[in-house]
Amino acid sequence: MKDLAIALDDRPGALAEMGEALGRAGVSIEGGGVFVANGAGVAHFLFHDRDTAAARAALDAAGIRVAGEHEVVVQKLRQDEPGQLGKIARRMADAGVNIAVQYSDHEHNLILVVDDLARGREVSASWTRDAGRS
């Protein structure tokens, strides 16, 4: 899975145009979100690896800038146990891994864009082995 960081204008219709461009290209979004800060919109959306190039091409053709592409850490949390986000974020921090982006996918997995993918995946694998208990 890949995360695309997408620059969007802070105006009505910007998200619609992005979604329409992806839809015309037959590309599905697997998770993500959009945020506006200081008058600039940034979207982070998740795509299957096989769809990433098509998503980039569709956005480019629509004049929508892809600001970045990232591999992600995908982690299942125990939804019935409060505090899971804090626990895994603490493990990442203790391992020196910075979380730049966090959201969920359509399967209720935690999606993380981190500054050290290899180390982040090690922490995630350890978390899974430990069944999320800290």
N, C-alpha and C. Protein backbone atom coordinates (compact mmCIF):
# COMPACT_ATOMS: atom_id res chain seq x y z
N MET A 1 0.85 -1.18 0.00
CA MET A 1 0.00 0.00 0.00
C MET A 1 0.89 1.24 0.00
N LYS A 2 0.39 2.28 -0.64
CA LYS A 2 1.12 3.54 -0.71
C LYS A 2 0.21 4.69 -0.30
N ASP A 3 0.80 5.64 0.39
CA ASP A 3 0.13 6.88 0.75
C ASP A 3 0.57 7.94 -0.23
N LEU A 4 -0.38 8.65 -0.80
CA LEU A 4 -0.07 9.82 -1.62
C LEU A 4 -0.48 11.07 -0.85
N ALA A 5 0.45 12.00 -0.73
CA ALA A 5 0.15 13.32 -0.18
C ALA A 5 -0.25 14.19 -1.36
N ILE A 6 -1.44 14.76 -1.29
CA ILE A 6 -2.01 15.48 -2.42
C ILE A 6 -2.34 16.90 -1.99
N ALA A 7 -1.81 17.88 -2.71
CA ALA A 7 -2.07 19.29 -2.42
C ALA A 7 -3.41 19.68 -3.01
N LEU A 8 -4.27 20.23 -2.17
CA LEU A 8 -5.58 20.67 -2.62
C LEU A 8 -5.79 22.13 -2.26
N ASP A 9 -6.46 22.84 -3.13
CA ASP A 9 -6.84 24.22 -2.82
C ASP A 9 -7.87 24.21 -1.71
N ASP A 10 -7.88 25.25 -0.90
CA ASP A 10 -8.88 25.42 0.16
C ASP A 10 -10.06 26.18 -0.43
N ARG A 11 -10.88 25.44 -1.21
CA ARG A 11 -12.05 26.05 -1.87
C ARG A 11 -13.09 24.97 -2.16
N PRO A 12 -14.34 25.38 -2.29
CA PRO A 12 -15.38 24.42 -2.64
C PRO A 12 -15.06 23.72 -3.97
N GLY A 13 -15.21 22.43 -3.99
CA GLY A 13 -15.02 21.66 -5.22
C GLY A 13 -13.67 21.02 -5.38
N ALA A 14 -12.66 21.42 -4.59
CA ALA A 14 -11.32 20.85 -4.76
C ALA A 14 -11.32 19.35 -4.49
N LEU A 15 -11.96 18.92 -3.42
CA LEU A 15 -12.01 17.49 -3.10
C LEU A 15 -12.84 16.74 -4.14
N ALA A 16 -13.93 17.36 -4.58
CA ALA A 16 -14.77 16.73 -5.61
C ALA A 16 -13.97 16.49 -6.89
N GLU A 17 -13.19 17.47 -7.30
CA GLU A 17 -12.38 17.33 -8.51
C GLU A 17 -11.37 16.20 -8.37
N MET A 18 -10.77 16.09 -7.20
CA MET A 18 -9.81 15.02 -6.96
C MET A 18 -10.51 13.66 -7.05
N GLY A 19 -11.63 13.53 -6.36
CA GLY A 19 -12.38 12.27 -6.37
C GLY A 19 -12.88 11.90 -7.76
N GLU A 20 -13.32 12.90 -8.50
CA GLU A 20 -13.81 12.65 -9.86
C GLU A 20 -12.68 12.18 -10.77
N ALA A 21 -11.51 12.79 -10.64
CA ALA A 21 -10.36 12.40 -11.47
C ALA A 21 -9.98 10.95 -11.19
N LEU A 22 -9.96 10.59 -9.92
CA LEU A 22 -9.63 9.21 -9.57
C LEU A 22 -10.71 8.24 -10.05
N GLY A 23 -11.96 8.64 -9.92
CA GLY A 23 -13.06 7.80 -10.37
C GLY A 23 -13.03 7.56 -11.87
N ARG A 24 -12.75 8.61 -12.64
CA ARG A 24 -12.66 8.44 -14.10
C ARG A 24 -11.55 7.45 -14.48
N ALA A 25 -10.50 7.41 -13.66
CA ALA A 25 -9.38 6.52 -13.92
C ALA A 25 -9.61 5.12 -13.36
N GLY A 26 -10.74 4.92 -12.67
CA GLY A 26 -11.04 3.62 -12.11
C GLY A 26 -10.19 3.26 -10.90
N VAL A 27 -9.71 4.28 -10.19
CA VAL A 27 -8.84 4.07 -9.04
C VAL A 27 -9.64 4.24 -7.76
N SER A 28 -9.55 3.25 -6.88
CA SER A 28 -10.23 3.30 -5.58
C SER A 28 -9.30 3.79 -4.49
N ILE A 29 -9.84 4.59 -3.62
CA ILE A 29 -9.13 5.05 -2.42
C ILE A 29 -9.40 4.03 -1.32
N GLU A 30 -8.37 3.62 -0.62
CA GLU A 30 -8.50 2.60 0.42
C GLU A 30 -8.56 3.16 1.83
N GLY A 31 -8.37 4.45 1.99
CA GLY A 31 -8.43 5.10 3.29
C GLY A 31 -7.78 6.46 3.19
N GLY A 32 -7.90 7.26 4.25
CA GLY A 32 -7.23 8.55 4.26
C GLY A 32 -8.09 9.67 4.77
N GLY A 33 -7.64 10.88 4.51
CA GLY A 33 -8.36 12.05 4.96
C GLY A 33 -7.78 13.33 4.37
N VAL A 34 -8.48 14.42 4.59
CA VAL A 34 -8.09 15.74 4.08
C VAL A 34 -8.12 16.72 5.24
N PHE A 35 -7.13 17.60 5.27
CA PHE A 35 -7.01 18.60 6.33
C PHE A 35 -6.64 19.93 5.72
N VAL A 36 -7.12 21.00 6.32
CA VAL A 36 -6.75 22.35 5.91
C VAL A 36 -6.06 23.02 7.09
N ALA A 37 -4.89 23.56 6.82
CA ALA A 37 -4.15 24.31 7.84
C ALA A 37 -3.52 25.53 7.17
N ASN A 38 -3.69 26.66 7.78
CA ASN A 38 -3.13 27.91 7.26
C ASN A 38 -3.51 28.16 5.80
N GLY A 39 -4.75 27.82 5.46
CA GLY A 39 -5.27 28.11 4.13
C GLY A 39 -4.83 27.15 3.03
N ALA A 40 -4.14 26.07 3.40
CA ALA A 40 -3.71 25.10 2.40
C ALA A 40 -4.29 23.73 2.74
N GLY A 41 -4.79 23.06 1.72
CA GLY A 41 -5.34 21.72 1.92
C GLY A 41 -4.30 20.67 1.61
N VAL A 42 -4.27 19.63 2.41
CA VAL A 42 -3.43 18.48 2.12
C VAL A 42 -4.26 17.23 2.39
N ALA A 43 -4.23 16.34 1.41
CA ALA A 43 -4.91 15.06 1.55
C ALA A 43 -3.86 13.97 1.65
N HIS A 44 -4.15 12.99 2.45
CA HIS A 44 -3.33 11.77 2.48
C HIS A 44 -4.29 10.63 2.22
N PHE A 45 -4.09 9.96 1.09
CA PHE A 45 -4.95 8.85 0.72
C PHE A 45 -4.12 7.62 0.44
N LEU A 46 -4.72 6.47 0.75
CA LEU A 46 -4.08 5.18 0.62
C LEU A 46 -4.53 4.49 -0.66
N PHE A 47 -3.58 3.93 -1.39
CA PHE A 47 -3.86 3.21 -2.63
C PHE A 47 -3.12 1.89 -2.64
N HIS A 48 -3.72 0.89 -3.29
CA HIS A 48 -2.98 -0.35 -3.53
C HIS A 48 -1.78 -0.01 -4.41
N ASP A 49 -0.69 -0.72 -4.22
CA ASP A 49 0.51 -0.48 -5.03
C ASP A 49 0.20 -0.48 -6.52
N ARG A 50 -0.65 -1.40 -6.95
CA ARG A 50 -0.97 -1.52 -8.38
C ARG A 50 -1.70 -0.30 -8.92
N ASP A 51 -2.31 0.50 -8.03
CA ASP A 51 -3.09 1.67 -8.46
C ASP A 51 -2.35 2.99 -8.31
N THR A 52 -1.20 2.97 -7.70
CA THR A 52 -0.50 4.22 -7.38
C THR A 52 -0.14 5.01 -8.64
N ALA A 53 0.44 4.35 -9.63
CA ALA A 53 0.82 5.06 -10.86
C ALA A 53 -0.40 5.64 -11.57
N ALA A 54 -1.48 4.88 -11.61
CA ALA A 54 -2.70 5.37 -12.25
C ALA A 54 -3.28 6.55 -11.49
N ALA A 55 -3.21 6.50 -10.16
CA ALA A 55 -3.69 7.62 -9.35
C ALA A 55 -2.88 8.87 -9.62
N ARG A 56 -1.56 8.71 -9.63
CA ARG A 56 -0.68 9.86 -9.92
C ARG A 56 -0.98 10.45 -11.30
N ALA A 57 -1.13 9.58 -12.30
CA ALA A 57 -1.39 10.05 -13.66
C ALA A 57 -2.73 10.77 -13.75
N ALA A 58 -3.76 10.23 -13.09
CA ALA A 58 -5.08 10.86 -13.11
C ALA A 58 -5.05 12.23 -12.44
N LEU A 59 -4.37 12.31 -11.33
CA LEU A 59 -4.28 13.59 -10.62
C LEU A 59 -3.49 14.60 -11.43
N ASP A 60 -2.39 14.17 -12.01
CA ASP A 60 -1.58 15.05 -12.84
C ASP A 60 -2.38 15.58 -14.02
N ALA A 61 -3.13 14.70 -14.67
CA ALA A 61 -3.95 15.10 -15.82
C ALA A 61 -5.01 16.13 -15.42
N ALA A 62 -5.47 16.06 -14.16
CA ALA A 62 -6.48 17.01 -13.67
C ALA A 62 -5.85 18.27 -13.10
N GLY A 63 -4.51 18.38 -13.16
CA GLY A 63 -3.83 19.55 -12.62
C GLY A 63 -3.74 19.57 -11.11
N ILE A 64 -3.82 18.40 -10.50
CA ILE A 64 -3.75 18.27 -9.04
C ILE A 64 -2.37 17.72 -8.68
N ARG A 65 -1.66 18.44 -7.82
CA ARG A 65 -0.27 18.10 -7.50
C ARG A 65 -0.17 17.03 -6.43
N VAL A 66 0.60 15.99 -6.74
CA VAL A 66 0.96 14.99 -5.74
C VAL A 66 2.24 15.49 -5.09
N ALA A 67 2.17 15.76 -3.78
CA ALA A 67 3.30 16.34 -3.06
C ALA A 67 4.26 15.28 -2.52
N GLY A 68 3.82 14.03 -2.47
CA GLY A 68 4.70 12.99 -1.95
C GLY A 68 4.06 11.62 -2.07
N GLU A 69 4.92 10.61 -2.05
CA GLU A 69 4.49 9.22 -2.09
C GLU A 69 5.27 8.47 -1.02
N HIS A 70 4.55 7.70 -0.20
CA HIS A 70 5.19 7.02 0.92
C HIS A 70 4.70 5.59 1.06
N GLU A 71 5.61 4.70 1.36
CA GLU A 71 5.20 3.38 1.82
C GLU A 71 4.70 3.57 3.24
N VAL A 72 3.86 2.67 3.71
CA VAL A 72 3.22 2.85 5.00
C VAL A 72 3.41 1.64 5.90
N VAL A 73 3.21 1.87 7.17
CA VAL A 73 3.09 0.80 8.16
C VAL A 73 1.59 0.58 8.35
N VAL A 74 1.16 -0.67 8.22
CA VAL A 74 -0.24 -1.04 8.40
C VAL A 74 -0.32 -1.90 9.65
N GLN A 75 -1.14 -1.47 10.60
CA GLN A 75 -1.22 -2.18 11.88
C GLN A 75 -2.67 -2.35 12.32
N LYS A 76 -3.03 -3.55 12.69
CA LYS A 76 -4.35 -3.81 13.26
C LYS A 76 -4.28 -3.54 14.76
N LEU A 77 -5.20 -2.74 15.26
CA LEU A 77 -5.30 -2.49 16.69
C LEU A 77 -6.49 -3.25 17.25
N ARG A 78 -6.46 -3.46 18.54
CA ARG A 78 -7.59 -4.10 19.22
C ARG A 78 -8.62 -3.01 19.50
N GLN A 79 -9.68 -2.98 18.71
CA GLN A 79 -10.69 -1.93 18.80
C GLN A 79 -11.44 -1.95 20.13
N ASP A 80 -11.46 -3.08 20.80
CA ASP A 80 -12.20 -3.19 22.07
C ASP A 80 -11.36 -2.78 23.28
N GLU A 81 -10.13 -2.35 23.05
CA GLU A 81 -9.25 -1.97 24.15
C GLU A 81 -8.85 -0.50 24.04
N PRO A 82 -9.36 0.36 24.92
CA PRO A 82 -8.99 1.78 24.87
C PRO A 82 -7.49 1.97 25.06
N GLY A 83 -6.96 2.99 24.43
CA GLY A 83 -5.56 3.35 24.62
C GLY A 83 -4.60 2.74 23.62
N GLN A 84 -5.11 1.99 22.64
CA GLN A 84 -4.23 1.32 21.68
C GLN A 84 -3.38 2.31 20.88
N LEU A 85 -3.97 3.41 20.43
CA LEU A 85 -3.19 4.39 19.67
C LEU A 85 -2.05 4.93 20.50
N GLY A 86 -2.33 5.28 21.73
CA GLY A 86 -1.28 5.81 22.60
C GLY A 86 -0.17 4.80 22.83
N LYS A 87 -0.55 3.53 22.99
CA LYS A 87 0.45 2.49 23.25
C LYS A 87 1.38 2.27 22.06
N ILE A 88 0.79 2.16 20.86
CA ILE A 88 1.67 1.92 19.71
C ILE A 88 2.47 3.18 19.36
N ALA A 89 1.86 4.35 19.55
CA ALA A 89 2.60 5.59 19.30
C ALA A 89 3.77 5.71 20.28
N ARG A 90 3.57 5.28 21.52
CA ARG A 90 4.66 5.30 22.51
C ARG A 90 5.77 4.35 22.09
N ARG A 91 5.40 3.16 21.62
CA ARG A 91 6.43 2.21 21.16
C ARG A 91 7.23 2.79 20.00
N MET A 92 6.53 3.44 19.08
CA MET A 92 7.24 4.07 17.96
C MET A 92 8.18 5.15 18.47
N ALA A 93 7.68 5.99 19.36
CA ALA A 93 8.51 7.07 19.91
C ALA A 93 9.72 6.52 20.65
N ASP A 94 9.51 5.50 21.46
CA ASP A 94 10.61 4.91 22.22
C ASP A 94 11.66 4.29 21.31
N ALA A 95 11.24 3.88 20.11
CA ALA A 95 12.17 3.32 19.12
C ALA A 95 12.79 4.41 18.24
N GLY A 96 12.44 5.67 18.50
CA GLY A 96 12.98 6.78 17.73
C GLY A 96 12.30 7.00 16.39
N VAL A 97 11.11 6.45 16.24
CA VAL A 97 10.37 6.57 14.98
C VAL A 97 9.35 7.71 15.11
N ASN A 98 9.43 8.67 14.19
CA ASN A 98 8.49 9.77 14.18
C ASN A 98 7.32 9.44 13.26
N ILE A 99 6.11 9.64 13.76
CA ILE A 99 4.90 9.44 12.96
C ILE A 99 4.53 10.77 12.33
N ALA A 100 4.58 10.83 11.00
CA ALA A 100 4.26 12.06 10.28
C ALA A 100 2.78 12.15 9.96
N VAL A 101 2.15 10.99 9.66
CA VAL A 101 0.74 10.96 9.28
C VAL A 101 0.12 9.71 9.87
N GLN A 102 -1.12 9.83 10.35
CA GLN A 102 -1.85 8.70 10.92
C GLN A 102 -3.30 8.79 10.47
N TYR A 103 -3.83 7.69 9.99
CA TYR A 103 -5.25 7.59 9.66
C TYR A 103 -5.64 6.12 9.63
N SER A 104 -6.88 5.83 9.29
CA SER A 104 -7.36 4.45 9.21
C SER A 104 -7.77 4.13 7.78
N ASP A 105 -7.69 2.84 7.45
CA ASP A 105 -8.18 2.41 6.14
C ASP A 105 -9.59 1.85 6.27
N HIS A 106 -10.14 1.36 5.18
CA HIS A 106 -11.51 0.85 5.18
C HIS A 106 -11.66 -0.46 5.93
N GLU A 107 -10.55 -1.10 6.26
CA GLU A 107 -10.57 -2.36 7.02
C GLU A 107 -10.31 -2.11 8.51
N HIS A 108 -10.32 -0.84 8.92
CA HIS A 108 -10.10 -0.43 10.30
C HIS A 108 -8.67 -0.70 10.78
N ASN A 109 -7.73 -0.68 9.84
CA ASN A 109 -6.32 -0.77 10.19
C ASN A 109 -5.77 0.62 10.42
N LEU A 110 -4.81 0.72 11.31
CA LEU A 110 -4.08 1.96 11.52
C LEU A 110 -3.06 2.09 10.41
N ILE A 111 -3.02 3.24 9.76
CA ILE A 111 -2.06 3.52 8.69
C ILE A 111 -1.12 4.60 9.20
N LEU A 112 0.17 4.33 9.12
CA LEU A 112 1.17 5.28 9.59
C LEU A 112 2.18 5.58 8.49
N VAL A 113 2.45 6.86 8.28
CA VAL A 113 3.58 7.31 7.48
C VAL A 113 4.63 7.72 8.50
N VAL A 114 5.78 7.07 8.44
CA VAL A 114 6.83 7.29 9.45
C VAL A 114 8.13 7.70 8.79
N ASP A 115 9.03 8.27 9.59
CA ASP A 115 10.30 8.74 9.05
C ASP A 115 11.34 7.63 8.89
N ASP A 116 11.13 6.48 9.51
CA ASP A 116 12.05 5.35 9.39
C ASP A 116 11.19 4.10 9.16
N LEU A 117 10.95 3.79 7.89
CA LEU A 117 10.03 2.72 7.53
C LEU A 117 10.49 1.36 8.07
N ALA A 118 11.76 1.05 7.93
CA ALA A 118 12.25 -0.25 8.40
C ALA A 118 12.05 -0.40 9.90
N ARG A 119 12.43 0.62 10.65
CA ARG A 119 12.28 0.56 12.11
C ARG A 119 10.80 0.56 12.49
N GLY A 120 9.98 1.35 11.80
CA GLY A 120 8.55 1.37 12.08
C GLY A 120 7.92 0.01 11.84
N ARG A 121 8.34 -0.67 10.80
CA ARG A 121 7.81 -2.00 10.54
C ARG A 121 8.29 -3.02 11.58
N GLU A 122 9.50 -2.83 12.10
CA GLU A 122 9.98 -3.69 13.18
C GLU A 122 9.12 -3.52 14.42
N VAL A 123 8.82 -2.28 14.76
CA VAL A 123 7.97 -2.00 15.92
C VAL A 123 6.59 -2.62 15.70
N SER A 124 6.05 -2.46 14.50
CA SER A 124 4.74 -3.01 14.18
C SER A 124 4.74 -4.53 14.31
N ALA A 125 5.77 -5.18 13.80
CA ALA A 125 5.86 -6.64 13.89
C ALA A 125 5.94 -7.09 15.34
N SER A 126 6.70 -6.36 16.13
CA SER A 126 6.81 -6.67 17.56
C SER A 126 5.45 -6.50 18.24
N TRP A 127 4.74 -5.46 17.89
CA TRP A 127 3.41 -5.19 18.44
C TRP A 127 2.47 -6.36 18.13
N THR A 128 2.51 -6.82 16.89
CA THR A 128 1.66 -7.93 16.48
C THR A 128 2.01 -9.20 17.26
N ARG A 129 3.30 -9.48 17.41
CA ARG A 129 3.73 -10.65 18.18
C ARG A 129 3.24 -10.58 19.63
N ASP A 130 3.26 -9.37 20.18
CA ASP A 130 2.85 -9.17 21.56
C ASP A 130 1.34 -9.01 21.71
N ALA A 131 0.61 -9.09 20.61
CA ALA A 131 -0.85 -8.93 20.59
C ALA A 131 -1.27 -7.58 21.15
N GLY A 132 -0.44 -6.55 20.96
CA GLY A 132 -0.81 -5.19 21.35
C GLY A 132 -0.76 -4.90 22.82
N ARG A 133 -0.15 -5.75 23.59
CA ARG A 133 -0.06 -5.50 25.03
C ARG A 133 1.27 -4.84 25.35
N SER A 134 1.24 -3.77 26.11
CA SER A 134 2.46 -3.08 26.51
C SER A 134 2.65 -3.18 27.99
